[in-house]
Amino acid sequence: MTCAAARELVESYLDGELDPSVQAEVEDHLTSCSACAEKHARVRQLQTDIRTQAPYYDPPAGLERRVRAALAQAAKKEAKSDSGAWQWFAIAATILLACSLALNFSLFRSHGNDRDTLAQNIVSSHVRSLIGTHLLDVPSSDRHTVKPWFNGKLDFSPDVKDFVSQGFPLIGGRIEYLEDRPVAALVYQRRQHVINVFVWPTASSADHAGELTQKGFNIIHWTKAGMTYWAVSDLSLGELRQFSDLYKQSP
């Protein structure tokens, strides 16, 4: 697939509107083309901003009762003048309900696609760091060395912690590019296993967490105090949970 075709289809890809074969072609292209991946990330971020920042208003108490009463009164009037009008009104209401359900399902599916795509990008960054030469920009087990290294390189200060006494020593950090922005990658070790923790600010005010597996790698992500954390490793899920619990509970 060409870059022009992929960029033309990126919005339909995010909305899950493509045939499975075309969806797979776009996905394969995004994993190999950084320029198109950036375009995809920008559109995805726009969708996320709309969902998280668009205002939502709760209906006033009694609104449903008043609407039903008004509809019943209108139905009686229409029945006297034209018995078919009410049928058309019912059909229109059914269509509106179906459209609303379809929209909500589309938004839910898009949110799932966003998370899965981000997880794929994180696993790709993790694998590249293991097979290449860019695992560490600042090799150090001293968090007081690693944390200041990010000053001036990022527009936020990552919370760098060390768990050497618990068997998860800090070995350094680097800068990665995710979610259309530079992020901090903190690197830890468990025996011969590497744990990458990707950190960046989030617009969401709610704390949440989740777990998933991508291509044999376990991922645990959580949000806390305005920051998003994604930890990825080939460690067992139990040990990765132990690490993430240490990180969440540490002051």
Protein backbone atom coordinates (compact mmCIF):
# COMPACT_ATOMS: atom_id res chain seq x y z
CA MET A 1 0.00 0.00 0.00
CA THR A 2 1.28 3.48 -0.89
CA CYS A 3 1.58 6.34 1.58
CA ALA A 4 -1.07 8.33 -0.30
CA ALA A 5 -3.58 5.50 -0.03
CA ALA A 6 -2.81 4.87 3.64
CA ARG A 7 -3.25 8.54 4.57
CA GLU A 8 -6.53 8.67 2.63
CA LEU A 9 -7.84 5.66 4.58
CA VAL A 10 -6.47 6.48 8.06
CA GLU A 11 -9.73 7.99 9.37
CA SER A 12 -11.78 5.05 8.09
CA TYR A 13 -9.16 2.75 9.62
CA LEU A 14 -9.55 4.39 13.04
CA ASP A 15 -13.35 4.15 12.79
CA GLY A 16 -13.20 0.46 11.82
CA GLU A 17 -15.08 1.09 8.57
CA LEU A 18 -12.73 -0.81 6.22
CA ASP A 19 -12.98 -4.37 4.99
CA PRO A 20 -10.80 -6.71 7.11
CA SER A 21 -8.29 -7.18 4.30
CA VAL A 22 -7.90 -3.43 3.71
CA GLN A 23 -7.78 -2.82 7.49
CA ALA A 24 -4.88 -5.28 7.71
CA GLU A 25 -3.05 -3.61 4.81
CA VAL A 26 -3.31 -0.18 6.45
CA GLU A 27 -2.15 -1.62 9.78
CA ASP A 28 0.88 -3.26 8.16
CA HIS A 29 1.76 0.01 6.40
CA LEU A 30 1.52 2.03 9.62
CA THR A 31 3.95 -0.29 11.39
CA SER A 32 6.59 0.25 8.69
CA CYS A 33 6.10 3.93 7.73
CA SER A 34 6.89 6.51 10.42
CA ALA A 35 5.41 9.42 8.43
CA CYS A 36 2.03 7.74 8.03
CA ALA A 37 2.19 6.55 11.65
CA GLU A 38 2.53 10.20 12.74
CA LYS A 39 -0.53 11.12 10.64
CA HIS A 40 -2.42 8.24 12.25
CA ALA A 41 -1.34 9.39 15.73
CA ARG A 42 -2.50 12.98 15.09
CA VAL A 43 -5.96 11.87 13.95
CA ARG A 44 -6.24 9.45 16.85
CA GLN A 45 -5.28 12.17 19.32
CA LEU A 46 -7.94 14.46 17.81
CA GLN A 47 -10.57 11.77 18.36
CA THR A 48 -9.37 11.29 21.93
CA ASP A 49 -9.49 15.04 22.62
CA ILE A 50 -13.05 15.24 21.30
CA ARG A 51 -14.18 12.36 23.50
CA THR A 52 -12.46 13.63 26.63
CA GLN A 53 -13.04 17.38 26.28
CA ALA A 54 -16.43 17.73 24.55
CA PRO A 55 -19.06 18.84 27.10
CA TYR A 56 -21.72 16.35 28.20
CA TYR A 57 -24.96 17.50 29.80
CA ASP A 58 -27.21 15.33 31.97
CA PRO A 59 -30.93 15.67 31.11
CA PRO A 60 -33.05 17.47 33.70
CA ALA A 61 -35.20 15.38 36.01
CA GLY A 62 -38.58 14.48 34.54
CA LEU A 63 -37.57 15.17 30.94
CA GLU A 64 -38.42 11.65 29.76
CA ARG A 65 -41.86 11.80 31.40
CA ARG A 66 -42.65 15.16 29.80
CA VAL A 67 -41.49 13.98 26.36
CA ARG A 68 -43.61 10.86 26.57
CA ALA A 69 -46.64 12.89 27.62
CA ALA A 70 -46.12 15.35 24.76
CA LEU A 71 -45.77 12.51 22.26
CA ALA A 72 -48.93 10.84 23.52
CA GLN A 73 -50.87 14.10 23.20
CA ALA A 74 -49.53 14.71 19.70
CA ALA A 75 -50.44 11.16 18.73
CA LYS A 76 -54.03 11.68 19.74
CA LYS A 77 -54.28 14.85 17.65
CA GLU A 78 -52.67 13.23 14.64
CA ALA A 79 -54.91 10.18 14.92
CA LYS A 80 -57.97 12.38 14.43
CA SER A 81 -56.60 14.07 11.31
CA ASP A 82 -54.36 11.43 9.76
CA SER A 83 -53.92 7.95 11.18
CA GLY A 84 -50.79 7.39 9.05
CA ALA A 85 -48.82 10.32 10.46
CA TRP A 86 -48.20 8.59 13.79
CA GLN A 87 -46.81 5.54 12.01
CA TRP A 88 -44.31 7.71 10.16
CA PHE A 89 -43.36 9.39 13.44
CA ALA A 90 -42.74 6.00 15.06
CA ILE A 91 -40.58 4.94 12.11
CA ALA A 92 -38.55 8.15 12.37
CA ALA A 93 -38.07 7.63 16.12
CA THR A 94 -36.88 4.07 15.48
CA ILE A 95 -34.38 5.27 12.90
CA LEU A 96 -33.04 7.92 15.30
CA LEU A 97 -32.66 5.31 18.04
CA ALA A 98 -30.79 2.97 15.69
CA CYS A 99 -28.45 5.79 14.62
CA SER A 100 -27.74 6.65 18.26
CA LEU A 101 -26.90 3.04 19.10
CA ALA A 102 -24.67 2.76 16.05
CA LEU A 103 -22.81 5.95 16.97
CA ASN A 104 -22.22 4.80 20.55
CA PHE A 105 -20.98 1.42 19.32
CA SER A 106 -18.68 3.13 16.82
CA LEU A 107 -17.18 5.35 19.55
CA PHE A 108 -16.68 2.32 21.81
CA ARG A 109 -15.01 0.35 19.04
CA SER A 110 -12.83 3.33 18.12
CA HIS A 111 -11.68 3.61 21.74
CA GLY A 112 -10.70 -0.08 21.69
CA ASN A 113 -8.84 0.42 18.42
CA ASP A 114 -6.98 3.39 19.91
CA ARG A 115 -5.78 1.33 22.85
CA ASP A 116 -4.76 -1.61 20.68
CA THR A 117 -2.89 0.62 18.24
CA LEU A 118 -1.03 2.35 21.07
CA ALA A 119 -0.17 -1.05 22.56
CA GLN A 120 1.24 -2.17 19.20
CA ASN A 121 3.37 0.97 18.97
CA ILE A 122 4.64 0.45 22.51
CA VAL A 123 5.57 -3.17 21.83
CA SER A 124 7.35 -2.07 18.63
CA SER A 125 9.34 0.54 20.60
CA HIS A 126 10.18 -2.06 23.24
CA VAL A 127 11.40 -4.58 20.64
CA ARG A 128 13.44 -1.95 18.78
CA SER A 129 15.18 -1.01 22.02
CA LEU A 130 16.14 -4.64 22.61
CA ILE A 131 17.47 -5.48 19.16
CA GLY A 132 19.07 -2.12 18.37
CA THR A 133 21.51 0.20 20.07
CA HIS A 134 18.99 2.64 21.52
CA LEU A 135 18.07 1.01 24.82
CA LEU A 136 19.65 3.75 26.96
CA ASP A 137 20.41 7.42 26.39
CA VAL A 138 21.43 7.83 30.01
CA PRO A 139 22.82 4.56 31.45
CA SER A 140 22.67 4.87 35.23
CA SER A 141 21.21 3.11 38.23
CA ASP A 142 21.00 6.40 40.14
CA ARG A 143 17.56 8.00 39.82
CA HIS A 144 19.11 11.34 40.82
CA THR A 145 21.17 11.10 37.63
CA VAL A 146 18.41 9.80 35.35
CA LYS A 147 15.68 12.25 36.37
CA PRO A 148 17.70 15.47 35.80
CA TRP A 149 18.87 14.14 32.42
CA PHE A 150 15.34 14.68 31.03
CA ASN A 151 15.34 18.38 32.03
CA GLY A 152 15.11 20.55 28.92
CA LYS A 153 14.46 17.52 26.70
CA LEU A 154 10.81 17.05 27.67
CA ASP A 155 8.05 19.47 28.66
CA PHE A 156 7.40 17.44 31.83
CA SER A 157 9.45 15.78 34.55
CA PRO A 158 9.00 11.97 34.76
CA ASP A 159 8.77 10.35 38.17
CA VAL A 160 11.89 8.19 38.27
CA LYS A 161 11.95 5.46 40.93
CA ASP A 162 14.34 2.65 41.79
CA PHE A 163 13.40 -0.77 43.20
CA VAL A 164 16.80 -2.43 43.43
CA SER A 165 16.03 -3.84 46.90
CA GLN A 166 12.86 -5.47 45.51
CA GLY A 167 14.70 -7.01 42.55
CA PHE A 168 13.77 -4.45 39.87
CA PRO A 169 16.84 -2.19 39.54
CA LEU A 170 16.76 0.96 37.45
CA ILE A 171 19.35 0.81 34.64
CA GLY A 172 18.70 4.12 32.86
CA GLY A 173 16.38 5.95 30.50
CA ARG A 174 15.90 7.38 27.03
CA ILE A 175 13.48 9.45 24.95
CA GLU A 176 10.94 7.77 22.66
CA TYR A 177 8.20 9.14 20.38
CA LEU A 178 4.61 8.02 21.08
CA GLU A 179 1.16 9.58 20.86
CA ASP A 180 2.57 12.19 18.46
CA ARG A 181 4.96 13.54 21.10
CA PRO A 182 8.29 12.75 22.83
CA VAL A 183 7.88 10.64 25.96
CA ALA A 184 10.17 9.33 28.69
CA ALA A 185 11.21 5.68 28.60
CA LEU A 186 12.49 4.44 31.97
CA VAL A 187 14.34 1.14 31.81
CA TYR A 188 14.37 -1.48 34.57
CA GLN A 189 15.70 -5.01 34.79
CA ARG A 190 14.48 -8.27 36.32
CA ARG A 191 17.21 -10.89 36.05
CA GLN A 192 17.80 -11.01 32.24
CA HIS A 193 14.45 -9.38 31.40
CA VAL A 194 14.08 -5.72 30.45
CA ILE A 195 11.08 -3.61 31.49
CA ASN A 196 10.36 -0.43 29.57
CA VAL A 197 8.10 2.09 31.30
CA PHE A 198 6.79 4.79 28.95
CA VAL A 199 5.63 7.96 30.69
CA TRP A 200 3.85 11.07 29.43
CA PRO A 201 1.17 13.56 30.59
CA THR A 202 -2.49 12.79 29.98
CA ALA A 203 -5.51 15.05 29.55
CA SER A 204 -7.71 12.61 31.46
CA SER A 205 -8.48 13.53 35.06
CA ALA A 206 -9.65 10.03 36.00
CA ASP A 207 -7.28 7.34 37.26
CA HIS A 208 -7.61 4.05 35.38
CA ALA A 209 -5.60 0.91 34.66
CA GLY A 210 -5.59 -2.09 32.36
CA GLU A 211 -3.69 -5.16 31.19
CA LEU A 212 -3.21 -6.74 27.78
CA THR A 213 -0.87 -8.93 25.78
CA GLN A 214 0.59 -8.09 22.36
CA LYS A 215 2.79 -10.47 20.35
CA GLY A 216 3.84 -12.40 23.46
CA PHE A 217 4.67 -9.29 25.52
CA ASN A 218 2.71 -8.37 28.64
CA ILE A 219 1.60 -4.77 29.10
CA ILE A 220 0.19 -3.01 32.16
CA HIS A 221 -0.92 0.60 31.90
CA TRP A 222 -2.30 3.03 34.44
CA THR A 223 -2.99 6.72 34.89
CA LYS A 224 -2.16 8.60 38.04
CA ALA A 225 -1.88 12.28 38.98
CA GLY A 226 -2.14 13.49 35.41
CA MET A 227 0.46 11.07 34.02
CA THR A 228 0.09 7.92 31.90
CA TYR A 229 2.35 4.90 32.48
CA TRP A 230 2.74 1.90 30.15
CA ALA A 231 5.02 -0.91 31.37
CA VAL A 232 5.95 -3.63 28.86
CA SER A 233 8.15 -6.72 29.17
CA ASP A 234 8.41 -10.41 28.35
CA LEU A 235 8.22 -11.07 32.08
CA SER A 236 5.33 -13.16 33.33
CA LEU A 237 2.20 -11.15 33.99
CA GLY A 238 2.50 -11.91 37.71
CA GLU A 239 5.98 -10.39 37.98
CA LEU A 240 5.02 -7.41 35.85
CA ARG A 241 2.05 -6.84 38.17
CA GLN A 242 4.45 -6.96 41.12
CA PHE A 243 6.56 -4.27 39.45
CA SER A 244 3.60 -2.04 38.54
CA ASP A 245 2.20 -2.33 42.09
CA LEU A 246 5.56 -1.18 43.46
CA TYR A 247 5.54 1.77 41.08
CA LYS A 248 1.97 2.80 41.91
CA GLN A 249 2.41 2.51 45.68
CA SER A 250 5.85 4.12 45.92
CA PRO A 251 5.71 7.78 47.04
